[in-house]
């Protein structure tokens, strides 16, 4: 098997994971008891998102070890497609990433939105129908 790599294409890292929930307290307790993850419940202004520390973090909340990621839980909604665990890919320019996704046959889900203090975010479907997201961080991830 041969892997095709574009010579001048920058590799965009997976920076975050997301898992949908129906009951955020139950979800947080499960992952804390099972894997030792720590959850920080955000309010309605942040759509009841739950930030999850799944790797030992520094004082700013970022993983101490290179290659480790943290994540979050988001509330399931009947009007959102493909609510399954997914990953978030960091990109330098969200508009450029959206163009590349569409050119390669993917589908953008909605409009990008600014997550206060974190970055600009949008979800997409890849050519296999998998939901993922891209984020242009406003801070060092």
Protein backbone atom coordinates (compact mmCIF):
# COMPACT_ATOMS: atom_id res chain seq x y z
CA UNK A 1 0.00 0.00 0.00
CA UNK A 2 1.30 3.43 -0.91
CA UNK A 3 0.41 6.56 1.01
CA UNK A 4 0.16 9.78 -0.95
CA UNK A 5 1.40 12.85 0.90
CA UNK A 6 1.28 16.30 -0.63
CA UNK A 7 4.81 17.77 -0.37
CA UNK A 8 3.72 21.28 0.57
CA UNK A 9 0.72 20.49 2.74
CA UNK A 10 0.98 21.28 6.43
CA UNK A 11 -0.26 18.57 8.81
CA UNK A 12 -3.10 19.82 11.00
CA UNK A 13 -3.15 18.12 14.44
CA UNK A 14 -6.07 16.57 16.27
CA UNK A 15 -6.40 18.91 19.23
CA UNK A 16 -9.62 17.94 21.01
CA UNK A 17 -12.26 15.21 21.20
CA UNK A 18 -16.01 15.55 21.68
CA UNK A 19 -18.64 13.13 22.97
CA UNK A 20 -22.39 13.88 23.06
CA UNK A 21 -24.39 13.50 26.26
CA UNK A 22 -28.01 13.23 27.36
CA UNK A 23 -27.21 13.69 31.07
CA UNK A 24 -24.01 15.67 31.64
CA UNK A 25 -23.70 14.79 35.33
CA UNK A 26 -24.04 11.07 34.66
CA UNK A 27 -21.57 11.32 31.77
CA UNK A 28 -18.99 13.24 33.82
CA UNK A 29 -19.28 10.79 36.73
CA UNK A 30 -18.84 7.78 34.44
CA UNK A 31 -15.60 9.07 32.89
CA UNK A 32 -14.28 10.30 36.22
CA UNK A 33 -14.91 6.95 37.96
CA UNK A 34 -13.76 4.87 35.00
CA UNK A 35 -10.74 6.79 33.68
CA UNK A 36 -9.99 9.50 36.26
CA UNK A 37 -10.95 12.33 33.88
CA UNK A 38 -11.90 15.69 35.40
CA UNK A 39 -14.96 17.60 34.19
CA UNK A 40 -15.68 21.33 34.32
CA UNK A 41 -19.33 22.18 33.71
CA UNK A 42 -19.89 25.34 31.67
CA UNK A 43 -23.12 27.32 31.73
CA UNK A 44 -25.89 28.07 29.30
CA UNK A 45 -23.83 30.90 27.75
CA UNK A 46 -21.48 28.11 26.55
CA UNK A 47 -24.36 25.76 25.57
CA UNK A 48 -23.88 23.62 28.72
CA UNK A 49 -20.62 22.29 27.35
CA UNK A 50 -18.46 20.19 29.67
CA UNK A 51 -14.69 20.64 29.37
CA UNK A 52 -12.88 17.39 30.04
CA UNK A 53 -9.31 16.97 31.24
CA UNK A 54 -8.21 13.54 30.04
CA UNK A 55 -4.46 14.19 30.23
CA UNK A 56 -2.38 15.72 33.00
CA UNK A 57 -2.62 19.46 32.48
CA UNK A 58 -0.41 22.48 33.16
CA UNK A 59 -1.55 25.62 34.99
CA UNK A 60 -3.29 26.89 31.80
CA UNK A 61 -5.24 23.64 31.41
CA UNK A 62 -3.29 22.31 28.42
CA UNK A 63 -1.79 18.80 28.35
CA UNK A 64 1.73 18.66 29.80
CA UNK A 65 2.85 15.90 27.43
CA UNK A 66 3.19 16.46 23.70
CA UNK A 67 0.67 14.47 21.69
CA UNK A 68 -1.97 14.27 24.44
CA UNK A 69 -5.37 15.92 24.05
CA UNK A 70 -8.31 16.87 26.23
CA UNK A 71 -11.91 17.16 25.16
CA UNK A 72 -15.47 17.87 26.01
CA UNK A 73 -19.03 16.69 26.17
CA UNK A 74 -21.84 18.46 24.30
CA UNK A 75 -25.58 18.15 24.78
CA UNK A 76 -27.42 15.97 22.26
CA UNK A 77 -30.00 17.81 20.22
CA UNK A 78 -32.75 16.44 17.95
CA UNK A 79 -31.92 19.02 15.27
CA UNK A 80 -28.19 18.28 14.92
CA UNK A 81 -26.90 15.52 12.60
CA UNK A 82 -24.39 12.77 13.38
CA UNK A 83 -24.04 13.12 17.13
CA UNK A 84 -21.32 10.60 17.83
CA UNK A 85 -17.87 10.87 19.39
CA UNK A 86 -15.65 12.91 17.12
CA UNK A 87 -12.39 14.77 16.94
CA UNK A 88 -11.55 18.44 16.44
CA UNK A 89 -8.70 19.34 14.10
CA UNK A 90 -6.76 22.58 14.63
CA UNK A 91 -6.37 24.74 11.52
CA UNK A 92 -4.70 28.10 10.91
CA UNK A 93 -7.49 29.48 8.70
CA UNK A 94 -11.02 28.16 9.11
CA UNK A 95 -12.30 29.59 5.81
CA UNK A 96 -9.44 27.92 3.92
CA UNK A 97 -10.10 24.63 5.75
CA UNK A 98 -13.81 24.83 4.87
CA UNK A 99 -12.94 25.37 1.21
CA UNK A 100 -10.58 22.38 1.24
CA UNK A 101 -13.21 20.19 2.95
CA UNK A 102 -15.80 21.05 0.30
CA UNK A 103 -13.36 20.72 -2.61
CA UNK A 104 -12.39 17.24 -1.37
CA UNK A 105 -16.05 16.16 -1.23
CA UNK A 106 -16.94 16.90 2.40
CA UNK A 107 -19.97 18.86 3.63
CA UNK A 108 -19.88 21.79 6.05
CA UNK A 109 -22.56 21.60 8.77
CA UNK A 110 -23.86 25.09 9.46
CA UNK A 111 -21.89 28.28 9.92
CA UNK A 112 -18.66 28.71 11.89
CA UNK A 113 -19.18 30.12 15.34
CA UNK A 114 -16.87 31.86 17.75
CA UNK A 115 -16.38 29.99 21.00
CA UNK A 116 -15.43 32.80 23.37
CA UNK A 117 -11.83 32.42 24.51
CA UNK A 118 -11.14 29.29 22.43
CA UNK A 119 -11.57 29.84 18.72
CA UNK A 120 -13.74 29.68 15.62
CA UNK A 121 -15.38 26.26 15.17
CA UNK A 122 -17.44 24.42 12.57
CA UNK A 123 -18.42 20.77 12.09
CA UNK A 124 -18.34 18.86 8.83
CA UNK A 125 -19.03 15.47 7.31
CA UNK A 126 -16.17 13.71 5.58
CA UNK A 127 -16.71 11.63 2.43
CA UNK A 128 -17.57 8.61 4.59
CA UNK A 129 -20.35 10.46 6.43
CA UNK A 130 -18.33 10.85 9.64
CA UNK A 131 -18.88 14.04 11.67
CA UNK A 132 -15.72 15.88 12.67
CA UNK A 133 -14.90 19.51 13.39
CA UNK A 134 -12.22 22.08 12.67
CA UNK A 135 -11.19 24.95 14.91
CA UNK A 136 -9.09 28.00 14.29
CA UNK A 137 -7.78 28.52 17.84
CA UNK A 138 -7.57 32.00 19.30
CA UNK A 139 -5.08 30.70 21.85
CA UNK A 140 -2.20 28.24 21.96
CA UNK A 141 -3.69 24.73 21.93
